[in-house]
Amino acid sequence: GIAQPPVVYDTAAQRRAAQNMRGVLFTQGYYYGSVQDTVEMRGEKAHVTYRVETGPSYLIDTVSVVSREPTIGSIVQASMGATVLG
């Protein structure tokens, strides 16, 4: 068979994964969620564990449009139905 290069433990990838998880929590309304990552070395293998705590979930109830320019305000208000906020 074809020889495979060894997989190397990448701390930067671990940090990126944790940051991506925090981003997903935030976009889902968990503004105070946390992700903690730990690495355990077992022989020559690294095992990464992520502990995710969501915290409370927030939901936006009401969106108000305030504009000093009536024309801009009416354009934004008219387009609200085409957004996930409308």
PDB file of N, CA and C in Angstrom:
ATOM      1  N   GLY A   1       0.803  -1.183   0.000  1.00  0.00           N
ATOM      2  CA  GLY A   1       0.000   0.000   0.000  1.00  0.00           C
ATOM      3  C   GLY A   1       0.851   1.252   0.000  1.00  0.00           C
ATOM      4  N   ILE A   2       0.180   2.339  -0.092  1.00  0.00           N
ATOM      5  CA  ILE A   2       0.833   3.645  -0.106  1.00  0.00           C
ATOM      6  C   ILE A   2       1.010   4.103   1.332  1.00  0.00           C
ATOM      7  N   ALA A   3       2.204   4.544   1.664  1.00  0.00           N
ATOM      8  CA  ALA A   3       2.492   5.015   3.022  1.00  0.00           C
ATOM      9  C   ALA A   3       1.806   6.349   3.266  1.00  0.00           C
ATOM     10  N   GLN A   4       1.204   6.500   4.442  1.00  0.00           N
ATOM     11  CA  GLN A   4       0.530   7.737   4.835  1.00  0.00           C
ATOM     12  C   GLN A   4       1.454   8.525   5.754  1.00  0.00           C
ATOM     13  N   PRO A   5       1.539   9.846   5.555  1.00  0.00           N
ATOM     14  CA  PRO A   5       2.356  10.635   6.483  1.00  0.00           C
ATOM     15  C   PRO A   5       1.702  10.636   7.863  1.00  0.00           C
ATOM     16  N   PRO A   6       2.474  10.720   8.917  1.00  0.00           N
ATOM     17  CA  PRO A   6       1.890  10.712  10.266  1.00  0.00           C
ATOM     18  C   PRO A   6       1.070  11.970  10.509  1.00  0.00           C
ATOM     19  N   VAL A   7       0.000  11.817  11.235  1.00  0.00           N
ATOM     20  CA  VAL A   7      -0.837  12.950  11.617  1.00  0.00           C
ATOM     21  C   VAL A   7      -0.154  13.640  12.793  1.00  0.00           C
ATOM     22  N   VAL A   8      -0.052  14.940  12.733  1.00  0.00           N
ATOM     23  CA  VAL A   8       0.617  15.709  13.777  1.00  0.00           C
ATOM     24  C   VAL A   8      -0.435  16.517  14.524  1.00  0.00           C
ATOM     25  N   TYR A   9      -0.358  16.483  15.835  1.00  0.00           N
ATOM     26  CA  TYR A   9      -1.273  17.272  16.674  1.00  0.00           C
ATOM     27  C   TYR A   9      -1.042  18.754  16.415  1.00  0.00           C
ATOM     28  N   ASP A  10      -2.117  19.472  16.129  1.00  0.00           N
ATOM     29  CA  ASP A  10      -2.034  20.879  15.741  1.00  0.00           C
ATOM     30  C   ASP A  10      -2.792  21.734  16.760  1.00  0.00           C
ATOM     31  N   THR A  11      -2.058  22.449  17.607  1.00  0.00           N
ATOM     32  CA  THR A  11      -2.706  23.287  18.625  1.00  0.00           C
ATOM     33  C   THR A  11      -3.502  24.422  17.991  1.00  0.00           C
ATOM     34  N   ALA A  12      -3.051  24.925  16.852  1.00  0.00           N
ATOM     35  CA  ALA A  12      -3.786  26.004  16.179  1.00  0.00           C
ATOM     36  C   ALA A  12      -5.147  25.499  15.696  1.00  0.00           C
ATOM     37  N   ALA A  13      -5.199  24.284  15.188  1.00  0.00           N
ATOM     38  CA  ALA A  13      -6.473  23.714  14.746  1.00  0.00           C
ATOM     39  C   ALA A  13      -7.406  23.512  15.934  1.00  0.00           C
ATOM     40  N   GLN A  14      -6.856  23.131  17.062  1.00  0.00           N
ATOM     41  CA  GLN A  14      -7.658  22.959  18.278  1.00  0.00           C
ATOM     42  C   GLN A  14      -8.270  24.290  18.701  1.00  0.00           C
ATOM     43  N   ARG A  15      -7.466  25.350  18.683  1.00  0.00           N
ATOM     44  CA  ARG A  15      -7.979  26.684  19.043  1.00  0.00           C
ATOM     45  C   ARG A  15      -9.034  27.154  18.051  1.00  0.00           C
ATOM     46  N   ARG A  16      -8.811  26.913  16.761  1.00  0.00           N
ATOM     47  CA  ARG A  16      -9.799  27.306  15.740  1.00  0.00           C
ATOM     48  C   ARG A  16     -11.115  26.561  15.936  1.00  0.00           C
ATOM     49  N   ALA A  17     -11.033  25.279  16.251  1.00  0.00           N
ATOM     50  CA  ALA A  17     -12.252  24.496  16.476  1.00  0.00           C
ATOM     51  C   ALA A  17     -13.043  25.057  17.651  1.00  0.00           C
ATOM     52  N   ALA A  18     -12.356  25.382  18.740  1.00  0.00           N
ATOM     53  CA  ALA A  18     -13.034  25.958  19.911  1.00  0.00           C
ATOM     54  C   ALA A  18     -13.639  27.317  19.564  1.00  0.00           C
ATOM     55  N   GLN A  19     -12.922  28.127  18.807  1.00  0.00           N
ATOM     56  CA  GLN A  19     -13.440  29.438  18.415  1.00  0.00           C
ATOM     57  C   GLN A  19     -14.653  29.290  17.499  1.00  0.00           C
ATOM     58  N   ASN A  20     -14.615  28.327  16.587  1.00  0.00           N
ATOM     59  CA  ASN A  20     -15.765  28.077  15.710  1.00  0.00           C
ATOM     60  C   ASN A  20     -16.980  27.651  16.520  1.00  0.00           C
ATOM     61  N   MET A  21     -16.768  26.823  17.533  1.00  0.00           N
ATOM     62  CA  MET A  21     -17.878  26.405  18.394  1.00  0.00           C
ATOM     63  C   MET A  21     -18.476  27.605  19.121  1.00  0.00           C
ATOM     64  N   ARG A  22     -17.614  28.511  19.603  1.00  0.00           N
ATOM     65  CA  ARG A  22     -18.118  29.732  20.265  1.00  0.00           C
ATOM     66  C   ARG A  22     -18.940  30.567  19.286  1.00  0.00           C
ATOM     67  N   GLY A  23     -18.480  30.656  18.047  1.00  0.00           N
ATOM     68  CA  GLY A  23     -19.211  31.410  17.028  1.00  0.00           C
ATOM     69  C   GLY A  23     -20.582  30.827  16.754  1.00  0.00           C
ATOM     70  N   VAL A  24     -20.666  29.508  16.690  1.00  0.00           N
ATOM     71  CA  VAL A  24     -21.958  28.852  16.475  1.00  0.00           C
ATOM     72  C   VAL A  24     -22.883  29.123  17.649  1.00  0.00           C
ATOM     73  N   LEU A  25     -22.370  29.016  18.860  1.00  0.00           N
ATOM     74  CA  LEU A  25     -23.184  29.321  20.042  1.00  0.00           C
ATOM     75  C   LEU A  25     -23.737  30.734  19.956  1.00  0.00           C
ATOM     76  N   PHE A  26     -22.876  31.684  19.605  1.00  0.00           N
ATOM     77  CA  PHE A  26     -23.289  33.088  19.562  1.00  0.00           C
ATOM     78  C   PHE A  26     -24.379  33.299  18.506  1.00  0.00           C
ATOM     79  N   THR A  27     -24.196  32.726  17.317  1.00  0.00           N
ATOM     80  CA  THR A  27     -25.190  32.933  16.258  1.00  0.00           C
ATOM     81  C   THR A  27     -26.511  32.238  16.569  1.00  0.00           C
ATOM     82  N   GLN A  28     -26.492  31.262  17.469  1.00  0.00           N
ATOM     83  CA  GLN A  28     -27.717  30.580  17.867  1.00  0.00           C
ATOM     84  C   GLN A  28     -28.384  31.239  19.079  1.00  0.00           C
ATOM     85  N   GLY A  29     -27.832  32.373  19.539  1.00  0.00           N
ATOM     86  CA  GLY A  29     -28.455  33.114  20.633  1.00  0.00           C
ATOM     87  C   GLY A  29     -27.888  32.802  22.006  1.00  0.00           C
ATOM     88  N   TYR A  30     -26.810  32.041  22.063  1.00  0.00           N
ATOM     89  CA  TYR A  30     -26.165  31.742  23.339  1.00  0.00           C
ATOM     90  C   TYR A  30     -24.991  32.702  23.499  1.00  0.00           C
ATOM     91  N   TYR A  31     -25.311  33.941  23.893  1.00  0.00           N
ATOM     92  CA  TYR A  31     -24.316  35.017  23.914  1.00  0.00           C
ATOM     93  C   TYR A  31     -23.264  34.844  25.004  1.00  0.00           C
ATOM     94  N   TYR A  32     -23.568  34.075  26.024  1.00  0.00           N
ATOM     95  CA  TYR A  32     -22.619  33.895  27.120  1.00  0.00           C
ATOM     96  C   TYR A  32     -22.169  32.435  27.240  1.00  0.00           C
ATOM     97  N   GLY A  33     -22.203  31.726  26.137  1.00  0.00           N
ATOM     98  CA  GLY A  33     -21.744  30.347  26.126  1.00  0.00           C
ATOM     99  C   GLY A  33     -20.230  30.279  26.248  1.00  0.00           C
ATOM    100  N   SER A  34     -19.735  29.112  26.640  1.00  0.00           N
ATOM    101  CA  SER A  34     -18.289  28.956  26.754  1.00  0.00           C
ATOM    102  C   SER A  34     -17.869  27.591  26.217  1.00  0.00           C
ATOM    103  N   VAL A  35     -16.651  27.543  25.719  1.00  0.00           N
ATOM    104  CA  VAL A  35     -16.059  26.308  25.224  1.00  0.00           C
ATOM    105  C   VAL A  35     -14.680  26.183  25.863  1.00  0.00           C
ATOM    106  N   GLN A  36     -14.461  25.079  26.542  1.00  0.00           N
ATOM    107  CA  GLN A  36     -13.153  24.808  27.141  1.00  0.00           C
ATOM    108  C   GLN A  36     -12.606  23.550  26.492  1.00  0.00           C
ATOM    109  N   ASP A  37     -11.363  23.603  26.089  1.00  0.00           N
ATOM    110  CA  ASP A  37     -10.748  22.447  25.460  1.00  0.00           C
ATOM    111  C   ASP A  37      -9.575  21.952  26.298  1.00  0.00           C
ATOM    112  N   THR A  38      -9.452  20.645  26.379  1.00  0.00           N
ATOM    113  CA  THR A  38      -8.340  20.039  27.094  1.00  0.00           C
ATOM    114  C   THR A  38      -7.753  18.934  26.228  1.00  0.00           C
ATOM    115  N   VAL A  39      -6.462  18.734  26.375  1.00  0.00           N
ATOM    116  CA  VAL A  39      -5.746  17.710  25.616  1.00  0.00           C
ATOM    117  C   VAL A  39      -5.171  16.705  26.592  1.00  0.00           C
ATOM    118  N   GLU A  40      -5.357  15.446  26.272  1.00  0.00           N
ATOM    119  CA  GLU A  40      -4.765  14.381  27.072  1.00  0.00           C
ATOM    120  C   GLU A  40      -3.913  13.540  26.128  1.00  0.00           C
ATOM    121  N   MET A  41      -2.668  13.407  26.462  1.00  0.00           N
ATOM    122  CA  MET A  41      -1.760  12.589  25.668  1.00  0.00           C
ATOM    123  C   MET A  41      -1.807  11.158  26.193  1.00  0.00           C
ATOM    124  N   ARG A  42      -2.092  10.223  25.309  1.00  0.00           N
ATOM    125  CA  ARG A  42      -2.094   8.796  25.657  1.00  0.00           C
ATOM    126  C   ARG A  42      -1.111   8.112  24.721  1.00  0.00           C
ATOM    127  N   GLY A  43       0.049   7.859  25.248  1.00  0.00           N
ATOM    128  CA  GLY A  43       1.105   7.312  24.396  1.00  0.00           C
ATOM    129  C   GLY A  43       1.488   8.356  23.363  1.00  0.00           C
ATOM    130  N   GLU A  44       1.347   8.002  22.127  1.00  0.00           N
ATOM    131  CA  GLU A  44       1.677   8.942  21.050  1.00  0.00           C
ATOM    132  C   GLU A  44       0.435   9.568  20.435  1.00  0.00           C
ATOM    133  N   LYS A  45      -0.709   9.410  21.092  1.00  0.00           N
ATOM    134  CA  LYS A  45      -1.957   9.959  20.566  1.00  0.00           C
ATOM    135  C   LYS A  45      -2.438  11.098  21.453  1.00  0.00           C
ATOM    136  N   ALA A  46      -2.969  12.103  20.813  1.00  0.00           N
ATOM    137  CA  ALA A  46      -3.565  13.234  21.531  1.00  0.00           C
ATOM    138  C   ALA A  46      -5.081  13.102  21.454  1.00  0.00           C
ATOM    139  N   HIS A  47      -5.742  13.218  22.594  1.00  0.00           N
ATOM    140  CA  HIS A  47      -7.196  13.169  22.661  1.00  0.00           C
ATOM    141  C   HIS A  47      -7.672  14.531  23.147  1.00  0.00           C
ATOM    142  N   VAL A  48      -8.468  15.199  22.338  1.00  0.00           N
ATOM    143  CA  VAL A  48      -8.967  16.534  22.674  1.00  0.00           C
ATOM    144  C   VAL A  48     -10.415  16.401  23.116  1.00  0.00           C
ATOM    145  N   THR A  49     -10.728  17.019  24.241  1.00  0.00           N
ATOM    146  CA  THR A  49     -12.095  17.051  24.753  1.00  0.00           C
ATOM    147  C   THR A  49     -12.547  18.505  24.799  1.00  0.00           C
ATOM    148  N   TYR A  50     -13.736  18.757  24.272  1.00  0.00           N
ATOM    149  CA  TYR A  50     -14.320  20.101  24.310  1.00  0.00           C
ATOM    150  C   TYR A  50     -15.510  20.064  25.257  1.00  0.00           C
ATOM    151  N   ARG A  51     -15.489  20.946  26.238  1.00  0.00           N
ATOM    152  CA  ARG A  51     -16.621  21.077  27.160  1.00  0.00           C
ATOM    153  C   ARG A  51     -17.375  22.343  26.756  1.00  0.00           C
ATOM    154  N   VAL A  52     -18.613  22.169  26.340  1.00  0.00           N
ATOM    155  CA  VAL A  52     -19.430  23.275  25.844  1.00  0.00           C
ATOM    156  C   VAL A  52     -20.546  23.551  26.845  1.00  0.00           C
ATOM    157  N   GLU A  53     -20.608  24.784  27.305  1.00  0.00           N
ATOM    158  CA  GLU A  53     -21.693  25.220  28.173  1.00  0.00           C
ATOM    159  C   GLU A  53     -22.418  26.343  27.446  1.00  0.00           C
ATOM    160  N   THR A  54     -23.686  26.124  27.175  1.00  0.00           N
ATOM    161  CA  THR A  54     -24.431  27.086  26.367  1.00  0.00           C
ATOM    162  C   THR A  54     -24.799  28.343  27.138  1.00  0.00           C
ATOM    163  N   GLY A  55     -25.119  28.210  28.404  1.00  0.00           N
ATOM    164  CA  GLY A  55     -25.643  29.363  29.131  1.00  0.00           C
ATOM    165  C   GLY A  55     -27.065  29.625  28.662  1.00  0.00           C
ATOM    166  N   PRO A  56     -27.642  30.750  29.052  1.00  0.00           N
ATOM    167  CA  PRO A  56     -29.025  31.028  28.649  1.00  0.00           C
ATOM    168  C   PRO A  56     -29.124  31.357  27.162  1.00  0.00           C
ATOM    169  N   SER A  57     -30.256  31.010  26.583  1.00  0.00           N
ATOM    170  CA  SER A  57     -30.534  31.327  25.179  1.00  0.00           C
ATOM    171  C   SER A  57     -31.352  32.622  25.117  1.00  0.00           C
ATOM    172  N   TYR A  58     -30.961  33.488  24.198  1.00  0.00           N
ATOM    173  CA  TYR A  58     -31.674  34.751  24.039  1.00  0.00           C
ATOM    174  C   TYR A  58     -32.410  34.756  22.708  1.00  0.00           C
ATOM    175  N   LEU A  59     -33.594  35.333  22.712  1.00  0.00           N
ATOM    176  CA  LEU A  59     -34.410  35.449  21.510  1.00  0.00           C
ATOM    177  C   LEU A  59     -34.833  36.903  21.369  1.00  0.00           C
ATOM    178  N   ILE A  60     -34.621  37.451  20.201  1.00  0.00           N
ATOM    179  CA  ILE A  60     -35.013  38.843  19.960  1.00  0.00           C
ATOM    180  C   ILE A  60     -36.521  38.870  19.764  1.00  0.00           C
ATOM    181  N   ASP A  61     -37.193  39.643  20.606  1.00  0.00           N
ATOM    182  CA  ASP A  61     -38.653  39.711  20.575  1.00  0.00           C
ATOM    183  C   ASP A  61     -39.149  40.781  19.613  1.00  0.00           C
ATOM    184  N   THR A  62     -38.508  41.942  19.635  1.00  0.00           N
ATOM    185  CA  THR A  62     -38.989  43.082  18.862  1.00  0.00           C
ATOM    186  C   THR A  62     -37.826  43.811  18.223  1.00  0.00           C
ATOM    187  N   VAL A  63     -38.015  44.218  16.986  1.00  0.00           N
ATOM    188  CA  VAL A  63     -37.020  45.012  16.279  1.00  0.00           C
ATOM    189  C   VAL A  63     -37.676  46.323  15.891  1.00  0.00           C
ATOM    190  N   SER A  64     -37.041  47.425  16.242  1.00  0.00           N
ATOM    191  CA  SER A  64     -37.562  48.744  15.889  1.00  0.00           C
ATOM    192  C   SER A  64     -36.597  49.434  14.941  1.00  0.00           C
ATOM    193  N   VAL A  65     -37.150  50.143  13.979  1.00  0.00           N
ATOM    194  CA  VAL A  65     -36.341  50.904  13.043  1.00  0.00           C
ATOM    195  C   VAL A  65     -36.490  52.380  13.389  1.00  0.00           C
ATOM    196  N   VAL A  66     -35.364  53.019  13.685  1.00  0.00           N
ATOM    197  CA  VAL A  66     -35.360  54.445  14.003  1.00  0.00           C
ATOM    198  C   VAL A  66     -34.395  55.117  13.044  1.00  0.00           C
ATOM    199  N   SER A  67     -34.867  56.130  12.334  1.00  0.00           N
ATOM    200  CA  SER A  67     -34.022  56.823  11.375  1.00  0.00           C
ATOM    201  C   SER A  67     -34.337  58.309  11.407  1.00  0.00           C
ATOM    202  N   ARG A  68     -33.302  59.105  11.305  1.00  0.00           N
ATOM    203  CA  ARG A  68     -33.492  60.562  11.244  1.00  0.00           C
ATOM    204  C   ARG A  68     -34.004  60.980   9.867  1.00  0.00           C
ATOM    205  N   GLU A  69     -33.743  60.121   8.883  1.00  0.00           N
ATOM    206  CA  GLU A  69     -34.196  60.398   7.521  1.00  0.00           C
ATOM    207  C   GLU A  69     -35.446  59.587   7.234  1.00  0.00           C
ATOM    208  N   PRO A  70     -36.593  60.210   7.071  1.00  0.00           N
ATOM    209  CA  PRO A  70     -37.844  59.468   6.842  1.00  0.00           C
ATOM    210  C   PRO A  70     -37.794  58.556   5.612  1.00  0.00           C
ATOM    211  N   THR A  71     -37.099  58.983   4.568  1.00  0.00           N
ATOM    212  CA  THR A  71     -37.026  58.172   3.350  1.00  0.00           C
ATOM    213  C   THR A  71     -36.299  56.858   3.626  1.00  0.00           C
ATOM    214  N   ILE A  72     -35.174  56.953   4.312  1.00  0.00           N
ATOM    215  CA  ILE A  72     -34.401  55.745   4.635  1.00  0.00           C
ATOM    216  C   ILE A  72     -35.211  54.852   5.575  1.00  0.00           C
ATOM    217  N   GLY A  73     -35.829  55.449   6.560  1.00  0.00           N
ATOM    218  CA  GLY A  73     -36.650  54.685   7.493  1.00  0.00           C
ATOM    219  C   GLY A  73     -37.763  53.928   6.796  1.00  0.00           C
ATOM    220  N   SER A  74     -38.426  54.566   5.841  1.00  0.00           N
ATOM    221  CA  SER A  74     -39.526  53.893   5.143  1.00  0.00           C
ATOM    222  C   SER A  74     -39.010  52.789   4.229  1.00  0.00           C
ATOM    223  N   ILE A  75     -37.834  52.974   3.627  1.00  0.00           N
ATOM    224  CA  ILE A  75     -37.247  51.924   2.784  1.00  0.00           C
ATOM    225  C   ILE A  75     -36.897  50.707   3.641  1.00  0.00           C
ATOM    226  N   VAL A  76     -36.262  50.946   4.789  1.00  0.00           N
ATOM    227  CA  VAL A  76     -35.911  49.838   5.688  1.00  0.00           C
ATOM    228  C   VAL A  76     -37.154  49.146   6.190  1.00  0.00           C
ATOM    229  N   GLN A  77     -38.139  49.907   6.603  1.00  0.00           N
ATOM    230  CA  GLN A  77     -39.389  49.337   7.125  1.00  0.00           C
ATOM    231  C   GLN A  77     -40.093  48.496   6.057  1.00  0.00           C
ATOM    232  N   ALA A  78     -40.097  48.970   4.822  1.00  0.00           N
ATOM    233  CA  ALA A  78     -40.737  48.239   3.728  1.00  0.00           C
ATOM    234  C   ALA A  78     -40.017  46.926   3.417  1.00  0.00           C
ATOM    235  N   SER A  79     -38.720  46.890   3.633  1.00  0.00           N
ATOM    236  CA  SER A  79     -37.959  45.674   3.310  1.00  0.00           C
ATOM    237  C   SER A  79     -37.893  44.688   4.467  1.00  0.00           C
ATOM    238  N   MET A  80     -38.423  45.029   5.631  1.00  0.00           N
ATOM    239  CA  MET A  80     -38.343  44.152   6.788  1.00  0.00           C
ATOM    240  C   MET A  80     -39.035  42.807   6.547  1.00  0.00           C
ATOM    241  N   GLY A  81     -40.096  42.794   5.753  1.00  0.00           N
ATOM    242  CA  GLY A  81     -40.809  41.547   5.471  1.00  0.00           C
ATOM    243  C   GLY A  81     -39.975  40.547   4.713  1.00  0.00           C
ATOM    244  N   ALA A  82     -38.947  41.021   4.016  1.00  0.00           N
ATOM    245  CA  ALA A  82     -38.089  40.132   3.227  1.00  0.00           C
ATOM    246  C   ALA A  82     -36.900  39.610   4.037  1.00  0.00           C
ATOM    247  N   THR A  83     -36.838  39.946   5.328  1.00  0.00           N
ATOM    248  CA  THR A  83     -35.734  39.509   6.179  1.00  0.00           C
ATOM    249  C   THR A  83     -36.244  38.507   7.200  1.00  0.00           C
ATOM    250  N   VAL A  84     -35.325  37.864   7.903  1.00  0.00           N
ATOM    251  CA  VAL A  84     -35.713  36.961   8.991  1.00  0.00           C
ATOM    252  C   VAL A  84     -36.224  37.748  10.193  1.00  0.00           C
ATOM    253  N   LEU A  85     -36.046  39.073  10.168  1.00  0.00           N
ATOM    254  CA  LEU A  85     -36.521  39.919  11.269  1.00  0.00           C
ATOM    255  C   LEU A  85     -37.978  40.322  11.101  1.00  0.00           C
ATOM    256  N   GLY A  86     -38.478  40.229   9.882  1.00  0.00           N
ATOM    257  CA  GLY A  86     -39.831  40.688   9.606  1.00  0.00           C
ATOM    258  C   GLY A  86     -40.816  39.693  10.012  1.00  0.00           C
TER     259      GLY A  86
END
